[in-house]
Amino acid sequence: MAKWLQKKGIMWVVAEKNSFNTCQNAKYTAEMVNVRQVILVTDAYHMNRSRRQFALNGVATIASVAPLPKANDWQHFDQNLQHSRRALYELLAFARDVVKPQYDCQPTNK
């Protein structure tokens, strides 16, 4: 992803490599960089949940939607299932994050 971003003219890339999930990624990134706003690159399904986690950690985001690995072509059954599964997963994960946040992911104090 960093190489792709550099080809697009974005040279300063922070790749957080210690997290196991979205909330840890937001927390560790907020601890790693001293900025109030970042360009967040992720796919359309994951963007809302990611932006929420960064906001909880005091970092505003500018959304930059990355292309999906498979085209969004609902006429193909296998793609339909993959996109439906991904959308459902993100919806349930968002609800989980609101109702019962993960224990190891309390927002950092900025």
PDB file of N, CA and C in Angstrom:
ATOM      1  N   MET A   1       0.828  -1.191   0.000  1.00  0.00           N
ATOM      2  CA  MET A   1       0.000   0.000   0.000  1.00  0.00           C
ATOM      3  C   MET A   1       0.871   1.254   0.000  1.00  0.00           C
ATOM      4  N   ALA A   2       1.968   1.235   0.762  1.00  0.00           N
ATOM      5  CA  ALA A   2       2.839   2.409   0.821  1.00  0.00           C
ATOM      6  C   ALA A   2       3.390   2.751  -0.560  1.00  0.00           C
ATOM      7  N   LYS A   3       3.778   1.747  -1.314  1.00  0.00           N
ATOM      8  CA  LYS A   3       4.297   1.990  -2.670  1.00  0.00           C
ATOM      9  C   LYS A   3       3.218   2.594  -3.560  1.00  0.00           C
ATOM     10  N   TRP A   4       1.986   2.113  -3.440  1.00  0.00           N
ATOM     11  CA  TRP A   4       0.877   2.637  -4.223  1.00  0.00           C
ATOM     12  C   TRP A   4       0.642   4.106  -3.878  1.00  0.00           C
ATOM     13  N   LEU A   5       0.672   4.429  -2.583  1.00  0.00           N
ATOM     14  CA  LEU A   5       0.473   5.806  -2.156  1.00  0.00           C
ATOM     15  C   LEU A   5       1.589   6.714  -2.661  1.00  0.00           C
ATOM     16  N   GLN A   6       2.823   6.216  -2.623  1.00  0.00           N
ATOM     17  CA  GLN A   6       3.948   7.017  -3.104  1.00  0.00           C
ATOM     18  C   GLN A   6       3.830   7.290  -4.603  1.00  0.00           C
ATOM     19  N   LYS A   7       3.315   6.323  -5.357  1.00  0.00           N
ATOM     20  CA  LYS A   7       3.082   6.554  -6.781  1.00  0.00           C
ATOM     21  C   LYS A   7       2.031   7.639  -6.994  1.00  0.00           C
ATOM     22  N   LYS A   8       1.125   7.791  -6.030  1.00  0.00           N
ATOM     23  CA  LYS A   8       0.085   8.818  -6.095  1.00  0.00           C
ATOM     24  C   LYS A   8       0.555  10.162  -5.542  1.00  0.00           C
ATOM     25  N   GLY A   9       1.837  10.226  -5.144  1.00  0.00           N
ATOM     26  CA  GLY A   9       2.405  11.484  -4.662  1.00  0.00           C
ATOM     27  C   GLY A   9       2.356  11.683  -3.162  1.00  0.00           C
ATOM     28  N   ILE A  10       1.951  10.681  -2.423  1.00  0.00           N
ATOM     29  CA  ILE A  10       1.906  10.784  -0.961  1.00  0.00           C
ATOM     30  C   ILE A  10       3.159  10.098  -0.435  1.00  0.00           C
ATOM     31  N   MET A  11       4.118  10.899   0.020  1.00  0.00           N
ATOM     32  CA  MET A  11       5.422  10.361   0.393  1.00  0.00           C
ATOM     33  C   MET A  11       5.540  10.027   1.880  1.00  0.00           C
ATOM     34  N   TRP A  12       4.789  10.716   2.716  1.00  0.00           N
ATOM     35  CA  TRP A  12       4.911  10.479   4.147  1.00  0.00           C
ATOM     36  C   TRP A  12       3.815   9.510   4.573  1.00  0.00           C
ATOM     37  N   VAL A  13       4.183   8.258   4.752  1.00  0.00           N
ATOM     38  CA  VAL A  13       3.226   7.202   5.070  1.00  0.00           C
ATOM     39  C   VAL A  13       3.579   6.608   6.424  1.00  0.00           C
ATOM     40  N   VAL A  14       2.596   6.518   7.301  1.00  0.00           N
ATOM     41  CA  VAL A  14       2.775   5.858   8.584  1.00  0.00           C
ATOM     42  C   VAL A  14       2.067   4.522   8.500  1.00  0.00           C
ATOM     43  N   ALA A  15       2.834   3.469   8.555  1.00  0.00           N
ATOM     44  CA  ALA A  15       2.254   2.125   8.524  1.00  0.00           C
ATOM     45  C   ALA A  15       2.411   1.520   9.911  1.00  0.00           C
ATOM     46  N   GLU A  16       1.342   1.465  10.633  1.00  0.00           N
ATOM     47  CA  GLU A  16       1.356   0.878  11.979  1.00  0.00           C
ATOM     48  C   GLU A  16       1.310  -0.633  11.814  1.00  0.00           C
ATOM     49  N   LYS A  17       2.260  -1.338  12.407  1.00  0.00           N
ATOM     50  CA  LYS A  17       2.401  -2.776  12.145  1.00  0.00           C
ATOM     51  C   LYS A  17       2.240  -3.671  13.371  1.00  0.00           C
ATOM     52  N   ASN A  18       1.782  -3.122  14.488  1.00  0.00           N
ATOM     53  CA  ASN A  18       1.690  -3.925  15.711  1.00  0.00           C
ATOM     54  C   ASN A  18       0.274  -4.311  16.098  1.00  0.00           C
ATOM     55  N   SER A  19      -0.713  -3.782  15.414  1.00  0.00           N
ATOM     56  CA  SER A  19      -2.103  -4.030  15.813  1.00  0.00           C
ATOM     57  C   SER A  19      -2.636  -5.338  15.253  1.00  0.00           C
ATOM     58  N   PHE A  20      -3.650  -5.838  15.931  1.00  0.00           N
ATOM     59  CA  PHE A  20      -4.350  -7.041  15.494  1.00  0.00           C
ATOM     60  C   PHE A  20      -5.777  -6.741  15.049  1.00  0.00           C
ATOM     61  N   ASN A  21      -6.228  -5.498  15.266  1.00  0.00           N
ATOM     62  CA  ASN A  21      -7.588  -5.134  14.892  1.00  0.00           C
ATOM     63  C   ASN A  21      -7.683  -3.624  14.662  1.00  0.00           C
ATOM     64  N   THR A  22      -8.839  -3.174  14.260  1.00  0.00           N
ATOM     65  CA  THR A  22      -9.038  -1.776  13.891  1.00  0.00           C
ATOM     66  C   THR A  22      -8.849  -0.833  15.071  1.00  0.00           C
ATOM     67  N   CYS A  23      -9.392  -1.177  16.220  1.00  0.00           N
ATOM     68  CA  CYS A  23      -9.268  -0.254  17.350  1.00  0.00           C
ATOM     69  C   CYS A  23      -7.823  -0.138  17.808  1.00  0.00           C
ATOM     70  N   GLN A  24      -7.069  -1.238  17.803  1.00  0.00           N
ATOM     71  CA  GLN A  24      -5.652  -1.159  18.141  1.00  0.00           C
ATOM     72  C   GLN A  24      -4.897  -0.327  17.108  1.00  0.00           C
ATOM     73  N   ASN A  25      -5.241  -0.478  15.849  1.00  0.00           N
ATOM     74  CA  ASN A  25      -4.583   0.296  14.798  1.00  0.00           C
ATOM     75  C   ASN A  25      -4.756   1.789  15.039  1.00  0.00           C
ATOM     76  N   ALA A  26      -5.967   2.203  15.361  1.00  0.00           N
ATOM     77  CA  ALA A  26      -6.224   3.614  15.629  1.00  0.00           C
ATOM     78  C   ALA A  26      -5.476   4.077  16.876  1.00  0.00           C
ATOM     79  N   LYS A  27      -5.530   3.290  17.921  1.00  0.00           N
ATOM     80  CA  LYS A  27      -4.863   3.651  19.175  1.00  0.00           C
ATOM     81  C   LYS A  27      -3.354   3.749  18.991  1.00  0.00           C
ATOM     82  N   TYR A  28      -2.753   2.752  18.392  1.00  0.00           N
ATOM     83  CA  TYR A  28      -1.298   2.740  18.218  1.00  0.00           C
ATOM     84  C   TYR A  28      -0.833   3.842  17.267  1.00  0.00           C
ATOM     85  N   THR A  29      -1.620   4.118  16.236  1.00  0.00           N
ATOM     86  CA  THR A  29      -1.263   5.196  15.314  1.00  0.00           C
ATOM     87  C   THR A  29      -1.313   6.541  16.037  1.00  0.00           C
ATOM     88  N   ALA A  30      -2.349   6.754  16.842  1.00  0.00           N
ATOM     89  CA  ALA A  30      -2.481   8.005  17.598  1.00  0.00           C
ATOM     90  C   ALA A  30      -1.309   8.181  18.567  1.00  0.00           C
ATOM     91  N   GLU A  31      -0.837   7.088  19.142  1.00  0.00           N
ATOM     92  CA  GLU A  31       0.300   7.158  20.058  1.00  0.00           C
ATOM     93  C   GLU A  31       1.615   7.385  19.300  1.00  0.00           C
ATOM     94  N   MET A  32       1.675   6.918  18.067  1.00  0.00           N
ATOM     95  CA  MET A  32       2.900   6.944  17.282  1.00  0.00           C
ATOM     96  C   MET A  32       3.159   8.309  16.629  1.00  0.00           C
ATOM     97  N   VAL A  33       2.111   8.978  16.200  1.00  0.00           N
ATOM     98  CA  VAL A  33       2.272  10.247  15.497  1.00  0.00           C
ATOM     99  C   VAL A  33       1.610  11.362  16.295  1.00  0.00           C
ATOM    100  N   ASN A  34       2.185  12.527  16.233  1.00  0.00           N
ATOM    101  CA  ASN A  34       1.646  13.670  16.970  1.00  0.00           C
ATOM    102  C   ASN A  34       0.952  14.611  15.981  1.00  0.00           C
ATOM    103  N   VAL A  35      -0.163  14.146  15.455  1.00  0.00           N
ATOM    104  CA  VAL A  35      -0.944  14.945  14.522  1.00  0.00           C
ATOM    105  C   VAL A  35      -2.411  14.876  14.923  1.00  0.00           C
ATOM    106  N   ARG A  36      -3.161  15.833  14.466  1.00  0.00           N
ATOM    107  CA  ARG A  36      -4.593  15.856  14.778  1.00  0.00           C
ATOM    108  C   ARG A  36      -5.443  15.339  13.630  1.00  0.00           C
ATOM    109  N   GLN A  37      -4.822  15.203  12.447  1.00  0.00           N
ATOM    110  CA  GLN A  37      -5.594  14.754  11.294  1.00  0.00           C
ATOM    111  C   GLN A  37      -4.716  13.893  10.385  1.00  0.00           C
ATOM    112  N   VAL A  38      -5.313  12.826   9.857  1.00  0.00           N
ATOM    113  CA  VAL A  38      -4.606  11.942   8.935  1.00  0.00           C
ATOM    114  C   VAL A  38      -5.502  11.641   7.736  1.00  0.00           C
ATOM    115  N   ILE A  39      -4.873  11.227   6.662  1.00  0.00           N
ATOM    116  CA  ILE A  39      -5.620  10.687   5.531  1.00  0.00           C
ATOM    117  C   ILE A  39      -5.730   9.195   5.793  1.00  0.00           C
ATOM    118  N   LEU A  40      -6.929   8.720   5.945  1.00  0.00           N
ATOM    119  CA  LEU A  40      -7.162   7.314   6.264  1.00  0.00           C
ATOM    120  C   LEU A  40      -7.504   6.574   4.978  1.00  0.00           C
ATOM    121  N   VAL A  41      -6.688   5.579   4.648  1.00  0.00           N
ATOM    122  CA  VAL A  41      -6.898   4.800   3.436  1.00  0.00           C
ATOM    123  C   VAL A  41      -7.370   3.409   3.822  1.00  0.00           C
ATOM    124  N   THR A  42      -8.586   3.091   3.431  1.00  0.00           N
ATOM    125  CA  THR A  42      -9.135   1.750   3.630  1.00  0.00           C
ATOM    126  C   THR A  42     -10.293   1.592   2.645  1.00  0.00           C
ATOM    127  N   ASP A  43     -10.855   0.397   2.597  1.00  0.00           N
ATOM    128  CA  ASP A  43     -11.939   0.198   1.629  1.00  0.00           C
ATOM    129  C   ASP A  43     -13.261   0.761   2.143  1.00  0.00           C
ATOM    130  N   ALA A  44     -14.221   0.858   1.265  1.00  0.00           N
ATOM    131  CA  ALA A  44     -15.503   1.492   1.584  1.00  0.00           C
ATOM    132  C   ALA A  44     -16.241   0.793   2.716  1.00  0.00           C
ATOM    133  N   TYR A  45     -16.147  -0.512   2.790  1.00  0.00           N
ATOM    134  CA  TYR A  45     -16.847  -1.240   3.845  1.00  0.00           C
ATOM    135  C   TYR A  45     -16.278  -0.909   5.221  1.00  0.00           C
ATOM    136  N   HIS A  46     -14.984  -0.720   5.299  1.00  0.00           N
ATOM    137  CA  HIS A  46     -14.290  -0.560   6.572  1.00  0.00           C
ATOM    138  C   HIS A  46     -14.172   0.904   7.019  1.00  0.00           C
ATOM    139  N   MET A  47     -14.472   1.833   6.141  1.00  0.00           N
ATOM    140  CA  MET A  47     -14.193   3.242   6.403  1.00  0.00           C
ATOM    141  C   MET A  47     -14.929   3.798   7.617  1.00  0.00           C
ATOM    142  N   ASN A  48     -16.222   3.582   7.750  1.00  0.00           N
ATOM    143  CA  ASN A  48     -16.969   4.172   8.871  1.00  0.00           C
ATOM    144  C   ASN A  48     -16.442   3.713  10.224  1.00  0.00           C
ATOM    145  N   ARG A  49     -16.216   2.432  10.351  1.00  0.00           N
ATOM    146  CA  ARG A  49     -15.720   1.905  11.627  1.00  0.00           C
ATOM    147  C   ARG A  49     -14.316   2.421  11.915  1.00  0.00           C
ATOM    148  N   SER A  50     -13.486   2.489  10.901  1.00  0.00           N
ATOM    149  CA  SER A  50     -12.123   2.992  11.083  1.00  0.00           C
ATOM    150  C   SER A  50     -12.128   4.457  11.504  1.00  0.00           C
ATOM    151  N   ARG A  51     -12.944   5.252  10.843  1.00  0.00           N
ATOM    152  CA  ARG A  51     -12.999   6.677  11.171  1.00  0.00           C
ATOM    153  C   ARG A  51     -13.476   6.891  12.605  1.00  0.00           C
ATOM    154  N   ARG A  52     -14.428   6.082  13.044  1.00  0.00           N
ATOM    155  CA  ARG A  52     -14.910   6.193  14.421  1.00  0.00           C
ATOM    156  C   ARG A  52     -13.798   5.892  15.412  1.00  0.00           C
ATOM    157  N   GLN A  53     -13.026   4.841  15.153  1.00  0.00           N
ATOM    158  CA  GLN A  53     -11.949   4.469  16.073  1.00  0.00           C
ATOM    159  C   GLN A  53     -10.874   5.559  16.145  1.00  0.00           C
ATOM    160  N   PHE A  54     -10.530   6.148  15.005  1.00  0.00           N
ATOM    161  CA  PHE A  54      -9.547   7.235  15.024  1.00  0.00           C
ATOM    162  C   PHE A  54     -10.096   8.438  15.783  1.00  0.00           C
ATOM    163  N   ALA A  55     -11.370   8.768  15.587  1.00  0.00           N
ATOM    164  CA  ALA A  55     -11.981   9.896  16.295  1.00  0.00           C
ATOM    165  C   ALA A  55     -11.967   9.663  17.803  1.00  0.00           C
ATOM    166  N   LEU A  56     -12.231   8.443  18.242  1.00  0.00           N
ATOM    167  CA  LEU A  56     -12.183   8.121  19.674  1.00  0.00           C
ATOM    168  C   LEU A  56     -10.791   8.326  20.254  1.00  0.00           C
ATOM    169  N   ASN A  57      -9.787   8.255  19.407  1.00  0.00           N
ATOM    170  CA  ASN A  57      -8.404   8.444  19.845  1.00  0.00           C
ATOM    171  C   ASN A  57      -7.875   9.836  19.528  1.00  0.00           C
ATOM    172  N   GLY A  58      -8.775  10.757  19.227  1.00  0.00           N
ATOM    173  CA  GLY A  58      -8.393  12.151  19.058  1.00  0.00           C
ATOM    174  C   GLY A  58      -7.782  12.513  17.718  1.00  0.00           C
ATOM    175  N   VAL A  59      -7.959  11.666  16.726  1.00  0.00           N
ATOM    176  CA  VAL A  59      -7.386  11.931  15.406  1.00  0.00           C
ATOM    177  C   VAL A  59      -8.518  12.050  14.388  1.00  0.00           C
ATOM    178  N   ALA A  60      -8.634  13.218  13.766  1.00  0.00           N
ATOM    179  CA  ALA A  60      -9.612  13.411  12.699  1.00  0.00           C
ATOM    180  C   ALA A  60      -9.082  12.744  11.435  1.00  0.00           C
ATOM    181  N   THR A  61      -9.982  12.330  10.578  1.00  0.00           N
ATOM    182  CA  THR A  61      -9.566  11.633   9.366  1.00  0.00           C
ATOM    183  C   THR A  61     -10.159  12.276   8.123  1.00  0.00           C
ATOM    184  N   ILE A  62      -9.387  12.203   7.068  1.00  0.00           N
ATOM    185  CA  ILE A  62      -9.863  12.524   5.731  1.00  0.00           C
ATOM    186  C   ILE A  62      -9.944  11.179   5.029  1.00  0.00           C
ATOM    187  N   ALA A  63     -11.128  10.808   4.600  1.00  0.00           N
ATOM    188  CA  ALA A  63     -11.327   9.478   4.013  1.00  0.00           C
ATOM    189  C   ALA A  63     -10.775   9.421   2.592  1.00  0.00           C
ATOM    190  N   SER A  64     -10.013   8.362   2.335  1.00  0.00           N
ATOM    191  CA  SER A  64      -9.541   8.069   0.983  1.00  0.00           C
ATOM    192  C   SER A  64      -9.852   6.600   0.732  1.00  0.00           C
ATOM    193  N   VAL A  65     -10.897   6.370  -0.026  1.00  0.00           N
ATOM    194  CA  VAL A  65     -11.393   5.008  -0.214  1.00  0.00           C
ATOM    195  C   VAL A  65     -10.514   4.245  -1.203  1.00  0.00           C
ATOM    196  N   ALA A  66      -9.957   3.142  -0.729  1.00  0.00           N
ATOM    197  CA  ALA A  66      -9.124   2.284  -1.570  1.00  0.00           C
ATOM    198  C   ALA A  66     -10.018   1.362  -2.393  1.00  0.00           C
ATOM    199  N   PRO A  67      -9.549   0.964  -3.559  1.00  0.00           N
ATOM    200  CA  PRO A  67     -10.357   0.048  -4.376  1.00  0.00           C
ATOM    201  C   PRO A  67     -10.517  -1.309  -3.694  1.00  0.00           C
ATOM    202  N   LEU A  68     -11.649  -1.926  -3.928  1.00  0.00           N
ATOM    203  CA  LEU A  68     -11.908  -3.254  -3.385  1.00  0.00           C
ATOM    204  C   LEU A  68     -11.107  -4.288  -4.168  1.00  0.00           C
ATOM    205  N   PRO A  69     -10.704  -5.391  -3.512  1.00  0.00           N
ATOM    206  CA  PRO A  69      -9.946  -6.420  -4.218  1.00  0.00           C
ATOM    207  C   PRO A  69     -10.735  -7.068  -5.355  1.00  0.00           C
ATOM    208  N   LYS A  70     -12.043  -7.136  -5.194  1.00  0.00           N
ATOM    209  CA  LYS A  70     -12.911  -7.670  -6.248  1.00  0.00           C
ATOM    210  C   LYS A  70     -13.899  -6.595  -6.648  1.00  0.00           C
ATOM    211  N   ALA A  71     -14.133  -6.492  -7.926  1.00  0.00           N
ATOM    212  CA  ALA A  71     -15.078  -5.487  -8.419  1.00  0.00           C
ATOM    213  C   ALA A  71     -16.450  -5.692  -7.782  1.00  0.00           C
ATOM    214  N   ASN A  72     -17.162  -4.604  -7.640  1.00  0.00           N
ATOM    215  CA  ASN A  72     -18.504  -4.657  -7.064  1.00  0.00           C
ATOM    216  C   ASN A  72     -19.504  -4.969  -8.183  1.00  0.00           C
ATOM    217  N   ASP A  73     -19.504  -6.202  -8.613  1.00  0.00           N
ATOM    218  CA  ASP A  73     -20.362  -6.640  -9.717  1.00  0.00           C
ATOM    219  C   ASP A  73     -21.375  -7.640  -9.158  1.00  0.00           C
ATOM    220  N   TRP A  74     -22.558  -7.176  -8.860  1.00  0.00           N
ATOM    221  CA  TRP A  74     -23.555  -7.993  -8.182  1.00  0.00           C
ATOM    222  C   TRP A  74     -24.149  -9.081  -9.080  1.00  0.00           C
ATOM    223  N   GLN A  75     -23.794  -9.113 -10.335  1.00  0.00           N
ATOM    224  CA  GLN A  75     -24.320 -10.141 -11.227  1.00  0.00           C
ATOM    225  C   GLN A  75     -23.589 -11.477 -11.068  1.00  0.00           C
ATOM    226  N   HIS A  76     -22.446 -11.459 -10.440  1.00  0.00           N
ATOM    227  CA  HIS A  76     -21.690 -12.691 -10.224  1.00  0.00           C
ATOM    228  C   HIS A  76     -21.933 -13.195  -8.802  1.00  0.00           C
ATOM    229  N   PHE A  77     -22.429 -14.406  -8.681  1.00  0.00           N
ATOM    230  CA  PHE A  77     -22.844 -14.962  -7.399  1.00  0.00           C
ATOM    231  C   PHE A  77     -21.726 -14.952  -6.364  1.00  0.00           C
ATOM    232  N   ASP A  78     -20.500 -15.354  -6.736  1.00  0.00           N
ATOM    233  CA  ASP A  78     -19.404 -15.401  -5.770  1.00  0.00           C
ATOM    234  C   ASP A  78     -19.064 -14.008  -5.247  1.00  0.00           C
ATOM    235  N   GLN A  79     -19.097 -13.008  -6.109  1.00  0.00           N
ATOM    236  CA  GLN A  79     -18.827 -11.645  -5.668  1.00  0.00           C
ATOM    237  C   GLN A  79     -19.963 -11.127  -4.786  1.00  0.00           C
ATOM    238  N   ASN A  80     -21.183 -11.468  -5.133  1.00  0.00           N
ATOM    239  CA  ASN A  80     -22.338 -11.071  -4.348  1.00  0.00           C
ATOM    240  C   ASN A  80     -22.201 -11.577  -2.915  1.00  0.00           C
ATOM    241  N   LEU A  81     -21.840 -12.838  -2.761  1.00  0.00           N
ATOM    242  CA  LEU A  81     -21.670 -13.409  -1.424  1.00  0.00           C
ATOM    243  C   LEU A  81     -20.543 -12.729  -0.659  1.00  0.00           C
ATOM    244  N   GLN A  82     -19.427 -12.487  -1.325  1.00  0.00           N
ATOM    245  CA  GLN A  82     -18.294 -11.847  -0.650  1.00  0.00           C
ATOM    246  C   GLN A  82     -18.631 -10.432  -0.209  1.00  0.00           C
ATOM    247  N   HIS A  83     -19.288  -9.673  -1.065  1.00  0.00           N
ATOM    248  CA  HIS A  83     -19.638  -8.301  -0.695  1.00  0.00           C
ATOM    249  C   HIS A  83     -20.699  -8.274   0.403  1.00  0.00           C
ATOM    250  N   SER A  84     -21.670  -9.164   0.338  1.00  0.00           N
ATOM    251  CA  SER A  84     -22.698  -9.235   1.378  1.00  0.00           C
ATOM    252  C   SER A  84     -22.086  -9.622   2.715  1.00  0.00           C
ATOM    253  N   ARG A  85     -21.185 -10.585   2.694  1.00  0.00           N
ATOM    254  CA  ARG A  85     -20.511 -11.026   3.920  1.00  0.00           C
ATOM    255  C   ARG A  85     -19.700  -9.880   4.515  1.00  0.00           C
ATOM    256  N   ARG A  86     -18.988  -9.160   3.669  1.00  0.00           N
ATOM    257  CA  ARG A  86     -18.146  -8.061   4.148  1.00  0.00           C
ATOM    258  C   ARG A  86     -18.991  -6.938   4.747  1.00  0.00           C
ATOM    259  N   ALA A  87     -20.083  -6.602   4.094  1.00  0.00           N
ATOM    260  CA  ALA A  87     -20.960  -5.546   4.605  1.00  0.00           C
ATOM    261  C   ALA A  87     -21.569  -5.955   5.941  1.00  0.00           C
ATOM    262  N   LEU A  88     -22.020  -7.185   6.054  1.00  0.00           N
ATOM    263  CA  LEU A  88     -22.602  -7.676   7.300  1.00  0.00           C
ATOM    264  C   LEU A  88     -21.566  -7.701   8.421  1.00  0.00           C
ATOM    265  N   TYR A  89     -20.358  -8.163   8.109  1.00  0.00           N
ATOM    266  CA  TYR A  89     -19.286  -8.200   9.112  1.00  0.00           C
ATOM    267  C   TYR A  89     -19.027  -6.802   9.665  1.00  0.00           C
ATOM    268  N   GLU A  90     -18.892  -5.820   8.786  1.00  0.00           N
ATOM    269  CA  GLU A  90     -18.596  -4.459   9.242  1.00  0.00           C
ATOM    270  C   GLU A  90     -19.738  -3.883  10.066  1.00  0.00           C
ATOM    271  N   LEU A  91     -20.969  -4.168   9.687  1.00  0.00           N
ATOM    272  CA  LEU A  91     -22.119  -3.696  10.446  1.00  0.00           C
ATOM    273  C   LEU A  91     -22.130  -4.292  11.857  1.00  0.00           C
ATOM    274  N   LEU A  92     -21.901  -5.594  11.960  1.00  0.00           N
ATOM    275  CA  LEU A  92     -21.879  -6.255  13.275  1.00  0.00           C
ATOM    276  C   LEU A  92     -20.679  -5.806  14.108  1.00  0.00           C
ATOM    277  N   ALA A  93     -19.529  -5.630  13.475  1.00  0.00           N
ATOM    278  CA  ALA A  93     -18.343  -5.173  14.201  1.00  0.00           C
ATOM    279  C   ALA A  93     -18.536  -3.751  14.719  1.00  0.00           C
ATOM    280  N   PHE A  94     -19.198  -2.899  13.941  1.00  0.00           N
ATOM    281  CA  PHE A  94     -19.490  -1.537  14.381  1.00  0.00           C
ATOM    282  C   PHE A  94     -20.392  -1.578  15.617  1.00  0.00           C
ATOM    283  N   ALA A  95     -21.437  -2.397  15.555  1.00  0.00           N
ATOM    284  CA  ALA A  95     -22.356  -2.529  16.698  1.00  0.00           C
ATOM    285  C   ALA A  95     -21.614  -3.052  17.927  1.00  0.00           C
ATOM    286  N   ARG A  96     -20.759  -4.037  17.742  1.00  0.00           N
ATOM    287  CA  ARG A  96     -19.964  -4.576  18.855  1.00  0.00           C
ATOM    288  C   ARG A  96     -19.090  -3.489  19.463  1.00  0.00           C
ATOM    289  N   ASP A  97     -18.437  -2.688  18.618  1.00  0.00           N
ATOM    290  CA  ASP A  97     -17.555  -1.632  19.115  1.00  0.00           C
ATOM    291  C   ASP A  97     -18.312  -0.597  19.937  1.00  0.00           C
ATOM    292  N   VAL A  98     -19.564  -0.347  19.593  1.00  0.00           N
ATOM    293  CA  VAL A  98     -20.372   0.628  20.323  1.00  0.00           C
ATOM    294  C   VAL A  98     -20.874   0.030  21.633  1.00  0.00           C
ATOM    295  N   VAL A  99     -21.392  -1.191  21.572  1.00  0.00           N
ATOM    296  CA  VAL A  99     -22.007  -1.822  22.746  1.00  0.00           C
ATOM    297  C   VAL A  99     -20.974  -2.350  23.733  1.00  0.00           C
ATOM    298  N   LYS A 100     -19.960  -3.050  23.234  1.00  0.00           N
ATOM    299  CA  LYS A 100     -18.961  -3.656  24.112  1.00  0.00           C
ATOM    300  C   LYS A 100     -17.576  -3.547  23.473  1.00  0.00           C
ATOM    301  N   PRO A 101     -16.912  -2.410  23.673  1.00  0.00           N
ATOM    302  CA  PRO A 101     -15.592  -2.225  23.075  1.00  0.00           C
ATOM    303  C   PRO A 101     -14.606  -3.292  23.558  1.00  0.00           C
ATOM    304  N   GLN A 102     -13.634  -3.587  22.729  1.00  0.00           N
ATOM    305  CA  GLN A 102     -12.638  -4.593  23.080  1.00  0.00           C
ATOM    306  C   GLN A 102     -11.803  -4.114  24.260  1.00  0.00           C
ATOM    307  N   TYR A 103     -11.493  -5.011  25.174  1.00  0.00           N
ATOM    308  CA  TYR A 103     -10.838  -4.659  26.435  1.00  0.00           C
ATOM    309  C   TYR A 103      -9.464  -4.027  26.246  1.00  0.00           C
ATOM    310  N   ASP A 104      -8.748  -4.419  25.212  1.00  0.00           N
ATOM    311  CA  ASP A 104      -7.369  -3.944  25.022  1.00  0.00           C
ATOM    312  C   ASP A 104      -7.288  -2.697  24.147  1.00  0.00           C
ATOM    313  N   CYS A 105      -8.408  -2.014  24.028  1.00  0.00           N
ATOM    314  CA  CYS A 105      -8.435  -0.927  23.059  1.00  0.00           C
ATOM    315  C   CYS A 105      -9.086   0.331  23.602  1.00  0.00           C
ATOM    316  N   GLN A 106      -8.759   0.684  24.817  1.00  0.00           N
ATOM    317  CA  GLN A 106      -9.282   1.928  25.360  1.00  0.00           C
ATOM    318  C   GLN A 106      -8.558   3.078  24.700  1.00  0.00           C
ATOM    319  N   PRO A 107      -9.292   4.150  24.339  1.00  0.00           N
ATOM    320  CA  PRO A 107      -8.660   5.284  23.653  1.00  0.00           C
ATOM    321  C   PRO A 107      -7.491   5.847  24.446  1.00  0.00           C
ATOM    322  N   THR A 108      -6.499   6.298  23.702  1.00  0.00           N
ATOM    323  CA  THR A 108      -5.353   6.929  24.304  1.00  0.00           C
ATOM    324  C   THR A 108      -5.733   8.326  24.811  1.00  0.00           C
ATOM    325  N   ASN A 109      -5.087   8.810  25.815  1.00  0.00           N
ATOM    326  CA  ASN A 109      -5.370  10.162  26.335  1.00  0.00           C
ATOM    327  C   ASN A 109      -4.462  11.156  25.633  1.00  0.00           C
ATOM    328  N   LYS A 110      -5.051  11.931  24.752  1.00  0.00           N
ATOM    329  CA  LYS A 110      -4.271  12.941  24.021  1.00  0.00           C
ATOM    330  C   LYS A 110      -4.547  14.292  24.582  1.00  0.00           C
TER     331      LYS A 110
END
